[in-house]
Amino acid sequence: MTRLTLGAAAAAVLLAAVVAVVVATDDGGSAAAPGPTAAPDHGGVIGSLTASHACPQLDDFTCSTLRVPLDHTRPTGRSLDLAVATADNTDARRGVLLFLTGGPGQPGLPFVQKAVTTLAPVLDDYRLVMLDQRGTGANALVCPQLQRQLGDSDLFVPTGKAVRECADRVGDDRRFYSTADTVADLDLLRNALGVPSLAIDGVSYGTYVAERYAIAHPDRVTRLVLDSVVPHDGIDPFLAVPLHAAARVLRDVCADRQCPGDPADDLAAVVRARRDGSDILNTITIMEFVSSDYEGVPEALHAAAQGDMQPLDGMIAGVRRGVQVPAKELSQGLHASTLCADGVWPWGSLSVPVQDRADDVARAAAGLDPATVWPFDLATARGNGILATCLGWPRTAVTMPPLGALPKVPILLLGGDRDLSTPLEWLHQEAAATPGAQVVVVPDATHGVQTRATSDQGRRAVYDFLTSAASSPPPAK
């Protein structure tokens, strides 16, 4: 659920690597120092926007620094400085539109121009605001081994050594990088902007942040656009939904073109033969950022099912090479810190000792119906990259906020029917929990409908939704 979109450079490398069926090894990256965990004292005040200046290469935007507490229970303790970009139309009649990128781990400011282009029809009415969430951008949590092994991916399985190295580098501060901490940052940002409420447009993990903000502050949200939906009550640690959705998506792709076999049956056979299901799922999922038709995927799976592993091996290796990005573009340190803090795990919370967790995973996985994860298998479910990372993440004292329902504000749920990063089933799950929400499914679209879909259907729905009468905010303070 990581991405707003794969970066242009990474996408180009990925496409070239996959088309050429390159067998690459993961030997890149440098042993960079960890990102800052506390801001130097520049005289900033907690919850204020300071050091304001015209944003470089962004017309009509002001860049500022928002100082937030590292620990929101100790506002006079250490702090972080978050980069913020605000449009200069402070008198926008519909107030602030906060656009949240994906992750956890992706910054916001590098995507301001893309958001401006995407949302241009509504930006006379709204003041667009974006930020680098804690642990991203200049504050990126840098974990060299984990970054090299995972790059911009979600589900490659990291080594235990890389996970431990990352947790050690972040240290005890890892307890301050949950979504609840980001939600508290956003409310400081709202207050610093001098507005009583926000309209929020979130993509991928940004939908989860938007949902959690709305639950925490129901009177401070006027409207939610949730694009590529992560359910507000979190995701199953065994990832049964995306595992099972792969069959639907690949079969849909093959309904539009001539495929050499049934891609779901081929995938099931390959998973049984290879026992690297999480890496295969990650590779297939990443390919949606190259082609909404998953070009080459059914063919590689069919060849592998017939015993020729070279095309699939080349695709997996090409993806490993193509997703290599530095932490400032997608911080795997933040990704791990947040997902492990937020998750509801088979062993309970992160306060459970690492050595006591594996038995709980085995017991929970034993209760899974294999049909719910087919064409993958139970070994993939219990060994997926996210679960493997958090299984080895050290004990961490994290306080989870109480779970509630989304407030009764206008909500648009937007998704593509070929999305495997945040499958359509998650959108329908959220719709069932949110009576009255507007649902728009864009055919043949993958992840990040607003920014990536060829069809304008989703974007038009967003424009109509944001400019309808009900979206006008209450009067400013």
Protein backbone atom coordinates (compact mmCIF):
# COMPACT_ATOMS: atom_id res chain seq x y z
CA MET A 1 0.00 0.00 0.00
CA THR A 2 3.03 2.11 -0.22
CA ARG A 3 2.96 4.33 -3.18
CA LEU A 4 1.33 7.45 -4.57
CA THR A 5 3.14 6.47 -7.75
CA LEU A 6 6.43 4.84 -8.57
CA GLY A 7 8.99 7.56 -9.21
CA ALA A 8 9.72 8.30 -12.86
CA ALA A 9 13.36 7.29 -12.64
CA ALA A 10 12.57 4.06 -10.78
CA ALA A 11 9.79 3.24 -13.23
CA ALA A 12 12.15 3.71 -16.18
CA VAL A 13 14.78 1.45 -14.63
CA LEU A 14 12.13 -1.10 -13.71
CA LEU A 15 10.65 -1.20 -17.20
CA ALA A 16 14.07 -1.54 -18.83
CA ALA A 17 15.11 -4.24 -16.38
CA VAL A 18 11.97 -6.29 -16.80
CA VAL A 19 11.76 -6.02 -20.59
CA ALA A 20 15.40 -7.05 -20.86
CA VAL A 21 14.80 -9.89 -18.36
CA VAL A 22 17.82 -8.69 -16.42
CA VAL A 23 19.07 -10.89 -13.62
CA ALA A 24 20.30 -8.31 -11.12
CA THR A 25 21.88 -8.60 -7.72
CA ASP A 26 21.10 -6.27 -4.82
CA ASP A 27 24.47 -4.68 -4.14
CA GLY A 28 23.66 -0.98 -4.37
CA GLY A 29 23.18 1.71 -1.78
CA SER A 30 25.42 3.42 0.69
CA ALA A 31 25.66 3.22 4.43
CA ALA A 32 24.07 6.59 5.03
CA ALA A 33 23.59 7.94 8.49
CA PRO A 34 20.10 7.78 9.98
CA GLY A 35 17.83 10.74 9.39
CA PRO A 36 17.43 13.29 12.17
CA THR A 37 15.14 12.29 15.00
CA ALA A 38 14.98 15.71 16.61
CA ALA A 39 15.12 19.23 15.28
CA PRO A 40 17.95 21.63 16.12
CA ASP A 41 16.85 24.71 18.02
CA HIS A 42 16.15 27.43 15.46
CA GLY A 43 13.75 29.30 17.72
CA GLY A 44 10.63 27.64 16.31
CA VAL A 45 7.50 27.26 18.41
CA ILE A 46 5.64 23.95 18.64
CA GLY A 47 2.69 24.01 16.26
CA SER A 48 3.82 27.08 14.33
CA LEU A 49 4.78 27.57 10.69
CA THR A 50 8.16 29.28 10.46
CA ALA A 51 10.99 29.98 8.00
CA SER A 52 8.41 30.73 5.29
CA HIS A 53 9.69 31.43 1.78
CA ALA A 54 8.66 31.01 -1.83
CA CYS A 55 8.92 27.34 -2.79
CA PRO A 56 11.69 26.70 -5.31
CA GLN A 57 10.31 25.69 -8.72
CA LEU A 58 6.71 25.95 -7.45
CA ASP A 59 4.79 29.01 -8.52
CA ASP A 60 2.31 30.46 -6.02
CA PHE A 61 3.35 28.20 -3.14
CA THR A 62 5.01 29.05 0.16
CA CYS A 63 7.30 26.54 1.85
CA SER A 64 7.48 26.56 5.65
CA THR A 65 8.55 24.46 8.60
CA LEU A 66 6.08 22.99 11.09
CA ARG A 67 7.64 22.17 14.43
CA VAL A 68 6.00 19.23 16.20
CA PRO A 69 6.87 17.33 19.38
CA LEU A 70 8.66 14.06 18.86
CA ASP A 71 6.49 12.77 21.73
CA HIS A 72 3.07 14.40 21.77
CA THR A 73 2.68 13.58 25.47
CA ARG A 74 5.75 15.76 26.17
CA PRO A 75 5.28 18.92 24.09
CA THR A 76 8.27 20.63 25.72
CA GLY A 77 10.64 17.78 24.89
CA ARG A 78 12.48 17.03 21.68
CA SER A 79 10.91 18.11 18.43
CA LEU A 80 10.83 17.49 14.69
CA ASP A 81 10.69 20.04 11.88
CA LEU A 82 8.35 18.97 9.07
CA ALA A 83 8.43 20.55 5.62
CA VAL A 84 5.09 22.05 4.51
CA ALA A 85 3.99 23.59 1.20
CA THR A 86 0.89 25.82 1.15
CA ALA A 87 -0.77 27.42 -1.85
CA ASP A 88 -0.84 31.19 -1.66
CA ASN A 89 -4.61 31.58 -2.23
CA THR A 90 -5.33 31.98 1.47
CA ASP A 91 -8.82 33.31 0.70
CA ALA A 92 -9.98 30.15 -1.12
CA ARG A 93 -13.72 30.02 -0.52
CA ARG A 94 -13.86 26.32 0.34
CA GLY A 95 -10.90 26.37 2.68
CA VAL A 96 -7.92 24.00 2.89
CA LEU A 97 -7.55 20.78 0.90
CA LEU A 98 -4.88 18.62 2.52
CA PHE A 99 -3.43 16.07 0.08
CA LEU A 100 -1.78 13.03 1.71
CA THR A 101 0.66 10.80 -0.17
CA GLY A 102 1.26 7.10 0.38
CA GLY A 103 3.59 4.98 2.41
CA PRO A 104 4.19 4.82 5.23
CA GLY A 105 7.47 6.43 4.24
CA GLN A 106 6.71 8.64 1.26
CA PRO A 107 7.22 12.43 1.52
CA GLY A 108 4.66 14.91 0.23
CA LEU A 109 6.56 17.89 -1.12
CA PRO A 110 8.10 16.14 -4.15
CA PHE A 111 4.54 15.48 -5.36
CA VAL A 112 3.11 18.98 -5.05
CA GLN A 113 3.38 19.73 -8.76
CA LYS A 114 1.72 16.41 -9.63
CA ALA A 115 -1.11 17.20 -7.21
CA VAL A 116 -1.49 20.69 -8.70
CA THR A 117 -1.78 19.22 -12.18
CA THR A 118 -4.20 16.51 -11.06
CA LEU A 119 -6.46 18.78 -8.99
CA ALA A 120 -6.23 21.92 -11.14
CA PRO A 121 -10.01 22.23 -11.74
CA VAL A 122 -10.73 22.66 -8.00
CA LEU A 123 -7.73 24.70 -6.87
CA ASP A 124 -9.39 28.07 -7.33
CA ASP A 125 -11.86 26.93 -4.68
CA TYR A 126 -9.39 25.23 -2.35
CA ARG A 127 -6.04 26.09 -0.81
CA LEU A 128 -3.85 23.04 -1.45
CA VAL A 129 -1.57 22.00 1.41
CA MET A 130 0.96 19.16 1.47
CA LEU A 131 3.65 18.08 3.93
CA ASP A 132 6.44 15.61 4.54
CA GLN A 133 5.07 13.43 7.33
CA ARG A 134 7.35 12.59 10.24
CA GLY A 135 10.05 10.12 9.33
CA THR A 136 10.02 11.08 5.64
CA GLY A 137 11.89 13.50 3.39
CA ALA A 138 14.52 15.44 5.33
CA ASN A 139 13.45 13.54 8.47
CA ALA A 140 13.69 10.15 6.76
CA LEU A 141 14.56 7.22 8.98
CA VAL A 142 17.53 5.69 7.18
CA CYS A 143 18.13 1.94 7.49
CA PRO A 144 20.76 1.00 4.88
CA GLN A 145 20.30 -2.78 4.82
CA LEU A 146 16.50 -2.69 4.84
CA GLN A 147 16.50 0.08 2.23
CA ARG A 148 18.75 -1.95 -0.08
CA GLN A 149 16.65 -5.08 0.31
CA LEU A 150 13.22 -3.46 -0.11
CA GLY A 151 13.62 -0.10 -1.86
CA ASP A 152 10.16 1.08 -2.91
CA SER A 153 8.49 -2.30 -2.34
CA ASP A 154 6.06 -3.67 0.23
CA LEU A 155 6.35 -7.40 0.21
CA PHE A 156 9.86 -8.63 -0.55
CA VAL A 157 10.91 -10.59 2.52
CA PRO A 158 13.81 -8.88 4.32
CA THR A 159 16.48 -10.67 6.31
CA GLY A 160 16.15 -10.76 10.06
CA LYS A 161 19.52 -9.01 10.28
CA ALA A 162 18.26 -6.06 8.22
CA VAL A 163 15.14 -5.76 10.40
CA ARG A 164 17.16 -5.79 13.63
CA GLU A 165 19.69 -3.31 12.23
CA CYS A 166 16.88 -0.94 11.32
CA ALA A 167 15.16 -1.15 14.69
CA ASP A 168 18.48 -0.58 16.45
CA ARG A 169 19.25 2.49 14.33
CA VAL A 170 15.86 4.06 14.98
CA GLY A 171 16.21 3.07 18.62
CA ASP A 172 13.62 3.73 21.30
CA ASP A 173 12.26 6.61 19.20
CA ARG A 174 10.52 4.04 16.99
CA ARG A 175 7.53 4.27 19.34
CA PHE A 176 6.92 7.83 18.09
CA TYR A 177 6.29 6.93 14.45
CA SER A 178 2.82 5.43 14.52
CA THR A 179 -0.09 6.79 12.48
CA ALA A 180 -1.49 8.24 15.72
CA ASP A 181 1.60 10.47 15.95
CA THR A 182 1.09 11.65 12.38
CA VAL A 183 -2.59 12.36 13.11
CA ALA A 184 -1.52 14.57 16.02
CA ASP A 185 0.92 16.37 13.69
CA LEU A 186 -1.87 17.04 11.21
CA ASP A 187 -4.00 18.67 13.84
CA LEU A 188 -1.13 20.96 14.77
CA LEU A 189 -0.85 21.82 11.08
CA ARG A 190 -4.57 22.58 10.87
CA ASN A 191 -4.29 24.88 13.87
CA ALA A 192 -1.18 26.58 12.46
CA LEU A 193 -3.11 27.28 9.25
CA GLY A 194 -5.80 28.99 11.30
CA VAL A 195 -8.68 26.92 9.98
CA PRO A 196 -11.35 25.03 11.94
CA SER A 197 -11.51 22.08 9.56
CA LEU A 198 -9.96 20.39 6.56
CA ALA A 199 -11.03 18.62 3.41
CA ILE A 200 -8.63 15.70 2.98
CA ASP A 201 -7.67 13.79 -0.16
CA GLY A 202 -5.58 10.72 0.62
CA VAL A 203 -4.01 8.11 -1.64
CA SER A 204 -3.13 4.58 -0.47
CA TYR A 205 -1.65 4.85 3.05
CA GLY A 206 -2.81 8.47 2.85
CA THR A 207 -6.38 7.12 3.01
CA TYR A 208 -5.60 5.41 6.30
CA VAL A 209 -4.10 8.59 7.75
CA ALA A 210 -7.15 10.56 6.57
CA GLU A 211 -9.53 8.00 8.11
CA ARG A 212 -7.68 7.97 11.43
CA TYR A 213 -7.65 11.78 11.51
CA ALA A 214 -11.38 11.90 10.84
CA ILE A 215 -12.07 9.37 13.60
CA ALA A 216 -9.90 11.29 16.07
CA HIS A 217 -11.30 14.71 15.09
CA PRO A 218 -14.74 14.21 13.52
CA ASP A 219 -15.68 17.88 13.86
CA ARG A 220 -12.54 19.04 12.02
CA VAL A 221 -13.16 17.28 8.69
CA THR A 222 -15.52 18.57 6.01
CA ARG A 223 -14.97 15.94 3.36
CA LEU A 224 -12.82 12.90 2.55
CA VAL A 225 -11.54 11.63 -0.79
CA LEU A 226 -10.11 8.14 -0.28
CA ASP A 227 -8.26 6.93 -3.37
CA SER A 228 -6.94 3.34 -3.34
CA VAL A 229 -8.47 2.51 0.00
CA VAL A 230 -6.86 1.01 3.09
CA PRO A 231 -9.63 0.08 5.59
CA HIS A 232 -9.80 2.33 8.64
CA ASP A 233 -9.62 -0.65 11.01
CA GLY A 234 -6.39 -1.90 9.44
CA ILE A 235 -5.46 -4.91 7.35
CA ASP A 236 -5.26 -8.62 7.98
CA PRO A 237 -1.61 -9.47 8.78
CA PHE A 238 -1.87 -12.57 6.58
CA LEU A 239 -2.91 -10.40 3.59
CA ALA A 240 -5.62 -12.84 2.51
CA VAL A 241 -7.41 -10.16 0.47
CA PRO A 242 -4.51 -9.19 -1.84
CA LEU A 243 -3.38 -12.82 -2.09
CA HIS A 244 -6.81 -13.96 -3.27
CA ALA A 245 -7.40 -10.85 -5.41
CA ALA A 246 -4.46 -11.76 -7.66
CA ALA A 247 -6.58 -14.43 -9.39
CA ARG A 248 -9.40 -11.98 -10.14
CA VAL A 249 -7.07 -9.28 -11.45
CA LEU A 250 -4.97 -11.55 -13.66
CA ARG A 251 -8.02 -13.26 -15.10
CA ASP A 252 -9.56 -9.86 -15.83
CA VAL A 253 -6.39 -8.86 -17.66
CA CYS A 254 -6.52 -12.03 -19.74
CA ALA A 255 -10.16 -11.44 -20.62
CA ASP A 256 -8.93 -8.50 -22.70
CA ARG A 257 -6.05 -10.24 -24.44
CA GLN A 258 -4.85 -13.67 -25.50
CA CYS A 259 -3.01 -15.32 -22.62
CA PRO A 260 -1.26 -18.69 -22.93
CA GLY A 261 -3.21 -20.29 -20.07
CA ASP A 262 -5.25 -19.58 -16.96
CA PRO A 263 -2.99 -17.15 -15.07
CA ALA A 264 -4.53 -18.04 -11.69
CA ASP A 265 -3.94 -21.76 -12.12
CA ASP A 266 -0.43 -21.04 -13.42
CA LEU A 267 0.26 -18.81 -10.42
CA ALA A 268 -0.94 -21.48 -7.99
CA ALA A 269 1.31 -24.08 -9.61
CA VAL A 270 4.33 -21.78 -9.53
CA VAL A 271 3.82 -20.84 -5.87
CA ARG A 272 3.65 -24.53 -4.93
CA ALA A 273 6.82 -25.26 -6.87
CA ARG A 274 8.94 -22.29 -5.79
CA ARG A 275 7.88 -21.44 -2.22
CA ASP A 276 8.67 -17.73 -2.64
CA GLY A 277 5.08 -16.54 -2.81
CA SER A 278 5.57 -13.17 -1.11
CA ASP A 279 8.30 -12.20 -3.57
CA ILE A 280 6.07 -13.29 -6.46
CA LEU A 281 3.12 -11.28 -5.11
CA ASN A 282 5.33 -8.25 -4.63
CA THR A 283 6.65 -8.55 -8.19
CA ILE A 284 3.18 -8.87 -9.70
CA THR A 285 1.97 -5.93 -7.62
CA ILE A 286 4.88 -3.71 -8.62
CA MET A 287 4.17 -4.51 -12.26
CA GLU A 288 0.88 -2.62 -12.02
CA PHE A 289 3.00 0.55 -11.93
CA VAL A 290 4.58 -0.42 -15.24
CA SER A 291 1.44 -1.48 -17.08
CA SER A 292 -2.23 -1.59 -16.11
CA ASP A 293 -2.37 -4.68 -18.35
CA TYR A 294 0.34 -6.39 -16.26
CA GLU A 295 2.33 -6.80 -19.45
CA GLY A 296 4.40 -9.98 -19.46
CA VAL A 297 3.09 -11.30 -16.13
CA PRO A 298 0.68 -14.03 -17.34
CA GLU A 299 3.25 -15.12 -19.91
CA ALA A 300 6.03 -15.40 -17.32
CA LEU A 301 3.76 -17.33 -14.95
CA HIS A 302 2.72 -19.74 -17.70
CA ALA A 303 6.33 -20.37 -18.70
CA ALA A 304 7.24 -21.01 -15.06
CA ALA A 305 4.30 -23.39 -14.65
CA GLN A 306 5.70 -25.31 -17.63
CA GLY A 307 9.14 -25.49 -16.00
CA ASP A 308 10.85 -22.48 -17.61
CA MET A 309 11.64 -20.19 -14.67
CA GLN A 310 13.89 -17.76 -16.56
CA PRO A 311 11.24 -15.15 -17.51
CA LEU A 312 9.83 -15.05 -13.97
CA ASP A 313 13.28 -15.01 -12.37
CA GLY A 314 14.23 -12.12 -14.66
CA MET A 315 11.07 -10.25 -13.78
CA ILE A 316 11.63 -10.66 -10.02
CA ALA A 317 15.26 -9.58 -10.37
CA GLY A 318 14.27 -6.66 -12.59
CA VAL A 319 11.78 -5.49 -10.00
CA ARG A 320 14.40 -5.74 -7.26
CA ARG A 321 16.66 -3.55 -9.34
CA GLY A 322 13.96 -1.14 -10.46
CA VAL A 323 12.53 -0.36 -7.03
CA GLN A 324 15.82 0.83 -5.58
CA VAL A 325 15.20 4.29 -4.13
CA PRO A 326 16.86 6.26 -1.33
CA ALA A 327 15.17 6.72 2.02
CA LYS A 328 14.29 10.35 1.22
CA GLU A 329 11.96 9.01 -1.50
CA LEU A 330 10.52 6.11 0.50
CA SER A 331 11.84 5.46 3.98
CA GLN A 332 11.76 1.77 4.82
CA GLY A 333 12.73 2.69 8.39
CA LEU A 334 9.53 4.69 8.72
CA HIS A 335 7.57 2.05 6.80
CA ALA A 336 8.57 -0.64 9.30
CA SER A 337 8.20 1.59 12.36
CA THR A 338 4.68 2.62 11.44
CA LEU A 339 3.29 -0.66 10.12
CA CYS A 340 4.62 -2.60 13.09
CA ALA A 341 3.26 -0.02 15.56
CA ASP A 342 -0.16 0.16 13.87
CA GLY A 343 -0.78 -3.50 13.18
CA VAL A 344 -3.01 -5.96 15.00
CA TRP A 345 -0.76 -9.01 15.07
CA PRO A 346 -1.42 -12.68 15.88
CA TRP A 347 0.75 -12.27 18.99
CA GLY A 348 -1.03 -9.10 20.09
CA SER A 349 0.95 -5.88 20.51
CA LEU A 350 4.62 -5.06 20.06
CA SER A 351 5.06 -5.40 23.83
CA VAL A 352 5.23 -9.21 23.36
CA PRO A 353 8.83 -10.52 23.29
CA VAL A 354 10.06 -11.47 19.83
CA GLN A 355 10.83 -15.05 20.84
CA ASP A 356 7.21 -15.61 21.89
CA ARG A 357 5.58 -14.53 18.62
CA ALA A 358 6.22 -17.33 16.13
CA ASP A 359 3.99 -19.86 17.90
CA ASP A 360 1.09 -17.40 17.84
CA VAL A 361 1.59 -16.85 14.10
CA ALA A 362 1.59 -20.62 13.49
CA ARG A 363 -1.59 -21.12 15.53
CA ALA A 364 -3.41 -18.28 13.79
CA ALA A 365 -2.28 -19.42 10.34
CA ALA A 366 -3.48 -22.95 11.08
CA GLY A 367 -6.99 -21.57 11.30
CA LEU A 368 -6.90 -20.06 7.81
CA ASP A 369 -8.92 -21.62 5.03
CA PRO A 370 -6.52 -22.24 2.12
CA ALA A 371 -9.26 -21.18 -0.30
CA THR A 372 -9.17 -17.64 1.11
CA VAL A 373 -5.55 -17.13 -0.01
CA TRP A 374 -5.60 -19.16 -3.26
CA PRO A 375 -3.86 -19.00 -5.77
CA PHE A 376 -1.20 -18.42 -3.12
CA ASP A 377 -0.69 -20.81 -0.22
CA LEU A 378 -0.67 -20.67 3.57
CA ALA A 379 3.13 -20.49 3.62
CA THR A 380 2.91 -17.21 1.68
CA ALA A 381 0.27 -15.88 4.05
CA ARG A 382 2.27 -16.57 7.20
CA GLY A 383 5.59 -15.55 5.64
CA ASN A 384 4.65 -12.39 3.74
CA GLY A 385 7.13 -9.52 3.85
CA ILE A 386 5.13 -7.24 6.14
CA LEU A 387 4.43 -9.97 8.69
CA ALA A 388 8.04 -11.17 8.50
CA THR A 389 9.31 -7.66 9.22
CA CYS A 390 7.09 -7.11 12.24
CA LEU A 391 7.63 -10.62 13.57
CA GLY A 392 11.25 -9.61 14.19
CA TRP A 393 10.62 -5.98 15.17
CA PRO A 394 11.77 -5.52 18.79
CA ARG A 395 9.47 -4.94 21.73
CA THR A 396 8.11 -1.43 21.57
CA ALA A 397 5.74 0.36 23.91
CA VAL A 398 2.99 1.71 21.65
CA THR A 399 -0.33 3.10 22.81
CA MET A 400 -3.07 2.37 20.29
CA PRO A 401 -5.88 4.92 20.04
CA PRO A 402 -9.41 3.54 20.42
CA LEU A 403 -10.94 2.34 17.18
CA GLY A 404 -14.11 4.11 16.09
CA ALA A 405 -16.31 4.63 13.06
CA LEU A 406 -15.78 7.26 10.40
CA PRO A 407 -17.82 10.40 11.02
CA LYS A 408 -20.91 11.15 8.95
CA VAL A 409 -19.23 13.55 6.55
CA PRO A 410 -19.26 13.32 2.74
CA ILE A 411 -16.88 10.54 1.69
CA LEU A 412 -15.79 9.45 -1.78
CA LEU A 413 -14.25 5.98 -2.09
CA LEU A 414 -12.26 5.68 -5.30
CA GLY A 415 -10.45 2.67 -6.71
CA GLY A 416 -9.29 0.79 -9.76
CA ASP A 417 -10.50 -2.74 -10.41
CA ARG A 418 -6.96 -3.90 -11.29
CA ASP A 419 -5.28 -2.57 -8.16
CA LEU A 420 -3.36 -5.18 -6.16
CA SER A 421 -1.59 -2.74 -3.81
CA THR A 422 -4.94 -1.85 -2.26
CA PRO A 423 -7.40 -4.32 -3.80
CA LEU A 424 -10.95 -3.40 -4.68
CA GLU A 425 -12.17 -5.74 -1.93
CA TRP A 426 -10.75 -3.32 0.66
CA LEU A 427 -12.73 -0.47 -0.92
CA HIS A 428 -15.94 -2.50 -0.66
CA GLN A 429 -15.07 -3.42 2.93
CA GLU A 430 -14.78 0.26 3.79
CA ALA A 431 -17.97 1.07 1.88
CA ALA A 432 -19.87 -1.52 3.94
CA ALA A 433 -18.63 0.19 7.11
CA THR A 434 -19.45 3.67 5.79
CA PRO A 435 -23.14 3.87 4.81
CA GLY A 436 -23.79 6.76 2.49
CA ALA A 437 -20.28 6.94 1.07
CA GLN A 438 -20.03 7.54 -2.67
CA VAL A 439 -18.22 4.71 -4.46
CA VAL A 440 -16.51 5.05 -7.84
CA VAL A 441 -14.68 2.10 -9.40
CA VAL A 442 -12.66 2.85 -12.53
CA PRO A 443 -12.40 -0.09 -14.95
CA ASP A 444 -8.93 -1.22 -16.03
CA ALA A 445 -7.26 1.16 -13.53
CA THR A 446 -4.63 0.17 -11.00
CA HIS A 447 -3.23 2.00 -7.97
CA GLY A 448 -3.57 5.76 -7.50
CA VAL A 449 -6.58 6.50 -9.71
CA GLN A 450 -6.29 10.28 -9.56
CA THR A 451 -2.67 10.42 -10.61
CA ARG A 452 -2.24 7.35 -12.80
CA ALA A 453 -5.46 6.16 -14.45
CA THR A 454 -5.78 6.66 -18.20
CA SER A 455 -9.50 7.26 -17.86
CA ASP A 456 -10.74 10.61 -16.50
CA GLN A 457 -13.70 8.96 -14.78
CA GLY A 458 -12.13 8.99 -11.32
CA ARG A 459 -10.73 12.50 -11.60
CA ARG A 460 -14.08 13.87 -12.77
CA ALA A 461 -15.75 12.19 -9.79
CA VAL A 462 -13.27 13.89 -7.46
CA TYR A 463 -13.88 17.30 -9.03
CA ASP A 464 -17.65 16.93 -8.78
CA PHE A 465 -17.41 15.65 -5.22
CA LEU A 466 -15.15 18.45 -4.00
CA THR A 467 -17.17 21.24 -5.60
CA SER A 468 -20.67 20.09 -4.65
CA ALA A 469 -22.52 22.36 -2.23
CA ALA A 470 -22.11 20.08 0.76
CA SER A 471 -18.32 20.51 0.69
CA SER A 472 -18.31 24.13 1.82
CA PRO A 473 -16.52 24.37 5.19
CA PRO A 474 -17.85 26.20 8.23
CA PRO A 475 -16.76 29.83 8.63
CA ALA A 476 -13.11 30.36 9.54
CA LYS A 477 -12.13 31.40 13.02
